[in-house]
Amino acid sequence: PRRRSSDVFVGQMWLVRWLDGHTAPTELRVRPGRAWYVTPSYPGNELDSAKKEGALLKKIFDAHPVTPATRPAVTGLLSAEGPFDLFHFAGHGEASATQITEGRIELEPAGPDASSMLRDLTPDIVSGLCRLKAPDGTRPIVVLNSCRVGKTGYQVAGLGGFAPAFLEREAGVFVGALWMIGDEPALTFIKAFYEALRAGKVVAEAVNKGREEACKAGDATYLAYVVYADPFAHLVQ
C-alpha cells in the first residue's frame, strides 16, 4: 500500500532501547578533558564528513583526537579505568548478524606490514579491555558513527556485537547504525544529536532531532541509527 504523509516509522517516535538485565543511567556527563574522537585516514577511500565530525566534537565538547588512529592507541585509551565521558568513532565499519564475531571498525595500520587482523577493533577486544565506569560512577557515551556496527547477533556466550560489548562494560549510552549510512547524512544526524544533548534535551528527544535533520537527505540513513540509553537520560552541566 502507498505510504501516507501522516504515517511514521517507530524509529521516529523517540524510540531507544536497552539490554535486558542491565540498568541505564539517567544522568550523563561530558567534562573537560574527557571527550575523545577517532577519525582514521583511509588513503583512496576517505570519508570527508567523518573528518568534519572531529571538528564538531572539538567545538561542542572540546574533544581530543586519538592519534595516531591505530589499534594500540585506541586500546590504550579503552584499557584505562573510567577513561572518558565520551568516545566517538567516525569511519568505516562492518558487521553481520549471522557472523557477529567478525564485526569490526577499521583503524589505521600500526605499521607498513600490519594485517587487518592486527589493525581493526572488534567487539571481543572491547569486552576484554574495557572498564568504562569511572570511580565517581559516571558511565560514558559511546558513539560509533559507522556502517552496520549497531548490529547484534548470537554467539556461543550469548548476544554479541559492539552494542552489548560496550554496554556490558558499563557504557551509559551506545549509538551505532544497523545498515550502510550516507557520509553527509551521518554528519547531519550526529551534529543535531549532540547539539540537542548539549542544549539540555533528553536522549530520546535528541535522537529524534537527529533523525528529523538527517531525514532531509532523502535516504534511509536517519532510520539506520540504533540507540541504547534511558530515554530520559540527560547531560548534567
Protein backbone atom coordinates (compact mmCIF):
# COMPACT_ATOMS: atom_id res chain seq x y z
CA PRO A 1 0.00 0.00 0.00
CA ARG A 2 1.04 3.57 -0.58
CA ARG A 3 2.55 5.28 2.46
CA ARG A 4 0.52 8.25 3.73
CA SER A 5 2.19 11.52 4.76
CA SER A 6 0.82 11.01 8.29
CA ASP A 7 2.49 7.60 8.64
CA VAL A 8 5.69 7.39 10.69
CA PHE A 9 8.23 4.68 11.45
CA VAL A 10 8.65 3.52 15.04
CA GLY A 11 12.17 4.95 14.90
CA GLN A 12 10.63 8.42 14.56
CA MET A 13 8.70 8.08 17.84
CA TRP A 14 11.50 8.70 20.37
CA LEU A 15 12.46 5.02 20.33
CA VAL A 16 15.57 3.91 22.22
CA ARG A 17 16.40 0.50 23.67
CA TRP A 18 18.44 -1.23 26.37
CA LEU A 19 19.85 -4.65 27.28
CA ASP A 20 17.72 -6.90 29.46
CA GLY A 21 19.18 -7.37 32.92
CA HIS A 22 21.17 -4.12 32.90
CA THR A 23 20.34 -0.65 34.19
CA ALA A 24 20.82 2.60 32.29
CA PRO A 25 21.90 5.88 33.91
CA THR A 26 19.68 8.94 33.75
CA GLU A 27 22.50 11.44 34.31
CA LEU A 28 25.31 11.81 31.76
CA ARG A 29 28.42 13.96 31.86
CA VAL A 30 30.94 15.20 29.30
CA ARG A 31 33.55 17.02 31.35
CA PRO A 32 36.58 18.98 30.14
CA GLY A 33 39.39 16.73 29.01
CA ARG A 34 37.21 13.61 28.96
CA ALA A 35 35.87 13.57 25.38
CA TRP A 36 37.81 11.72 22.66
CA TYR A 37 37.27 11.05 18.98
CA VAL A 38 38.83 8.69 16.43
CA THR A 39 38.74 9.66 12.74
CA PRO A 40 41.13 7.37 10.83
CA SER A 41 42.60 8.23 7.45
CA TYR A 42 41.84 5.86 4.57
CA PRO A 43 44.04 6.75 1.60
CA GLY A 44 41.95 6.40 -1.54
CA ASN A 45 38.75 5.83 0.43
CA GLU A 46 38.39 8.89 2.64
CA LEU A 47 35.15 9.95 4.31
CA ASP A 48 35.09 13.74 4.05
CA SER A 49 32.24 14.24 6.51
CA ALA A 50 33.82 11.91 9.06
CA LYS A 51 36.77 14.27 9.25
CA LYS A 52 34.36 17.13 9.91
CA GLU A 53 33.00 15.21 12.90
CA GLY A 54 36.31 15.70 14.65
CA ALA A 55 35.98 19.47 14.32
CA LEU A 56 32.38 19.20 15.52
CA LEU A 57 33.43 17.26 18.65
CA LYS A 58 36.15 19.81 19.32
CA LYS A 59 33.67 22.68 19.03
CA ILE A 60 30.86 21.19 21.14
CA PHE A 61 32.77 19.24 23.79
CA ASP A 62 36.39 20.40 23.44
CA ALA A 63 37.20 16.79 22.50
CA HIS A 64 40.69 15.48 21.78
CA PRO A 65 41.73 13.22 18.88
CA VAL A 66 43.21 9.79 19.48
CA THR A 67 46.41 9.96 17.44
CA PRO A 68 47.58 8.01 15.68
CA ALA A 69 44.24 6.33 15.00
CA THR A 70 45.74 2.85 15.39
CA ARG A 71 44.67 -0.12 17.45
CA PRO A 72 47.47 0.31 20.03
CA ALA A 73 46.46 3.94 20.60
CA VAL A 74 42.73 3.18 20.79
CA THR A 75 43.13 0.13 23.04
CA GLY A 76 45.47 2.14 25.23
CA LEU A 77 42.61 4.54 25.87
CA LEU A 78 40.00 1.83 26.26
CA SER A 79 42.04 -0.20 28.75
CA ALA A 80 42.25 2.59 31.34
CA GLU A 81 39.72 2.59 34.19
CA GLY A 82 36.89 5.03 33.50
CA PRO A 83 38.93 6.59 30.69
CA PHE A 84 36.41 9.01 29.16
CA ASP A 85 32.95 10.52 29.31
CA LEU A 86 32.51 10.44 25.51
CA PHE A 87 34.11 8.21 22.89
CA HIS A 88 33.27 8.94 19.25
CA PHE A 89 34.39 6.97 16.20
CA ALA A 90 33.75 8.16 12.64
CA GLY A 91 34.94 5.88 9.88
CA HIS A 92 34.44 2.59 8.09
CA GLY A 93 32.93 -0.41 9.84
CA GLU A 94 31.42 -3.80 9.11
CA ALA A 95 29.25 -6.32 10.94
CA SER A 96 26.83 -9.12 10.10
CA ALA A 97 24.19 -10.52 12.44
CA THR A 98 24.94 -14.03 11.15
CA GLN A 99 28.71 -13.65 11.71
CA ILE A 100 28.75 -11.19 14.58
CA THR A 101 32.18 -12.28 15.83
CA GLU A 102 33.67 -10.80 12.66
CA GLY A 103 32.35 -7.28 13.30
CA ARG A 104 35.00 -4.55 13.23
CA ILE A 105 35.70 -0.87 12.93
CA GLU A 106 38.59 0.00 10.64
CA LEU A 107 41.59 1.78 12.14
CA GLU A 108 44.88 2.86 10.65
CA PRO A 109 47.70 0.32 10.29
CA ALA A 110 50.17 0.42 13.17
CA GLY A 111 52.98 -0.27 10.68
CA PRO A 112 53.58 -0.99 6.99
CA ASP A 113 53.19 -4.75 7.46
CA ALA A 114 50.23 -4.75 9.84
CA SER A 115 47.40 -7.03 8.72
CA SER A 116 43.72 -6.15 9.17
CA MET A 117 43.55 -8.74 11.95
CA LEU A 118 46.10 -6.68 13.89
CA ARG A 119 44.68 -3.32 12.80
CA ASP A 120 40.95 -3.22 13.45
CA LEU A 121 38.92 -3.02 16.65
CA THR A 122 36.46 -5.86 17.35
CA PRO A 123 33.78 -6.45 20.00
CA ASP A 124 35.92 -9.14 21.62
CA ILE A 125 38.71 -6.64 22.19
CA VAL A 126 36.24 -4.21 23.77
CA SER A 127 34.87 -6.94 26.05
CA GLY A 128 38.34 -7.97 27.12
CA LEU A 129 39.74 -4.48 27.76
CA CYS A 130 37.10 -2.01 28.85
CA ARG A 131 36.29 -0.86 32.37
CA LEU A 132 34.25 2.13 31.38
CA LYS A 133 32.58 3.15 34.64
CA ALA A 134 34.55 5.96 36.27
CA PRO A 135 35.38 5.85 40.00
CA ASP A 136 32.75 8.55 40.61
CA GLY A 137 30.10 6.38 38.93
CA THR A 138 29.94 8.24 35.60
CA ARG A 139 29.16 5.94 32.67
CA PRO A 140 30.24 7.22 29.26
CA ILE A 141 28.57 7.89 25.94
CA VAL A 142 29.91 5.70 23.11
CA VAL A 143 29.11 6.64 19.50
CA LEU A 144 30.29 4.54 16.55
CA ASN A 145 29.20 6.57 13.54
CA SER A 146 29.91 3.82 11.07
CA CYS A 147 28.06 1.44 8.77
CA ARG A 148 26.44 -1.65 10.31
CA VAL A 149 28.26 -1.66 13.66
CA GLY A 150 24.99 -1.34 15.58
CA LYS A 151 24.09 -4.90 14.56
CA THR A 152 23.87 -7.62 17.19
CA GLY A 153 23.77 -11.40 16.82
CA TYR A 154 24.05 -14.57 18.83
CA GLN A 155 27.35 -16.24 19.59
CA VAL A 156 28.37 -19.11 21.88
CA ALA A 157 28.40 -16.94 25.03
CA GLY A 158 25.17 -15.08 24.22
CA LEU A 159 24.45 -11.80 22.45
CA GLY A 160 27.40 -10.40 20.54
CA GLY A 161 28.32 -7.18 18.75
CA PHE A 162 29.64 -3.76 19.66
CA ALA A 163 26.48 -2.66 21.49
CA PRO A 164 26.50 -5.45 24.12
CA ALA A 165 30.30 -5.33 24.31
CA PHE A 166 30.31 -1.66 25.33
CA LEU A 167 27.14 -1.79 27.43
CA GLU A 168 28.20 -4.83 29.43
CA ARG A 169 31.41 -2.95 30.21
CA GLU A 170 29.31 -0.13 31.71
CA ALA A 171 28.77 2.35 28.90
CA GLY A 172 25.78 4.54 29.69
CA VAL A 173 24.78 5.22 26.07
CA PHE A 174 25.61 3.42 22.84
CA VAL A 175 24.84 4.76 19.36
CA GLY A 176 25.51 2.81 16.15
CA ALA A 177 23.99 2.12 12.73
CA LEU A 178 22.25 -1.04 11.54
CA TRP A 179 22.99 -0.66 7.83
CA MET A 180 25.02 1.46 5.42
CA ILE A 181 24.80 5.18 6.12
CA GLY A 182 25.50 8.15 3.89
CA ASP A 183 28.54 10.27 4.66
CA GLU A 184 26.77 13.65 4.78
CA PRO A 185 23.55 12.45 6.49
CA ALA A 186 25.67 10.73 9.16
CA LEU A 187 27.30 14.06 9.98
CA THR A 188 23.91 15.78 9.97
CA PHE A 189 22.42 13.24 12.38
CA ILE A 190 25.26 13.36 14.86
CA LYS A 191 25.52 17.15 14.78
CA ALA A 192 21.83 17.56 15.60
CA PHE A 193 22.01 14.81 18.24
CA TYR A 194 24.97 16.33 20.08
CA GLU A 195 23.66 19.89 19.86
CA ALA A 196 20.31 18.80 21.31
CA LEU A 197 22.02 16.96 24.16
CA ARG A 198 24.18 19.98 24.87
CA ALA A 199 21.09 22.17 24.92
CA GLY A 200 19.58 20.06 27.70
CA LYS A 201 17.31 17.74 25.71
CA VAL A 202 16.86 14.17 26.93
CA VAL A 203 18.38 11.38 24.84
CA ALA A 204 15.12 10.33 23.19
CA GLU A 205 14.41 13.91 22.12
CA ALA A 206 17.98 14.37 20.88
CA VAL A 207 17.74 11.17 18.82
CA ASN A 208 14.51 12.36 17.26
CA LYS A 209 16.08 15.72 16.43
CA GLY A 210 18.95 13.92 14.72
CA ARG A 211 16.52 11.79 12.71
CA GLU A 212 14.48 14.82 11.66
CA GLU A 213 17.53 16.64 10.31
CA ALA A 214 19.06 13.59 8.61
CA CYS A 215 15.71 12.70 7.03
CA LYS A 216 16.02 15.75 4.79
CA ALA A 217 18.80 13.98 2.84
CA GLY A 218 16.13 11.73 1.30
CA ASP A 219 17.75 8.36 2.07
CA ALA A 220 17.33 5.84 4.90
CA THR A 221 20.32 6.94 6.98
CA TYR A 222 18.06 8.66 9.51
CA LEU A 223 16.38 5.32 10.32
CA ALA A 224 19.63 3.34 10.50
CA TYR A 225 20.64 4.51 13.95
CA VAL A 226 20.09 2.29 16.95
CA VAL A 227 20.42 3.95 20.35
CA TYR A 228 20.77 2.17 23.67
CA ALA A 229 20.03 4.51 26.58
CA ASP A 230 17.48 5.56 29.16
CA PRO A 231 15.09 7.72 27.08
CA PHE A 232 15.13 10.41 29.79
CA ALA A 233 18.89 10.47 30.26
CA HIS A 234 20.33 13.96 30.00
CA LEU A 235 23.62 15.81 30.29
CA VAL A 236 24.39 17.26 33.68
CA GLN A 237 26.30 20.50 33.20
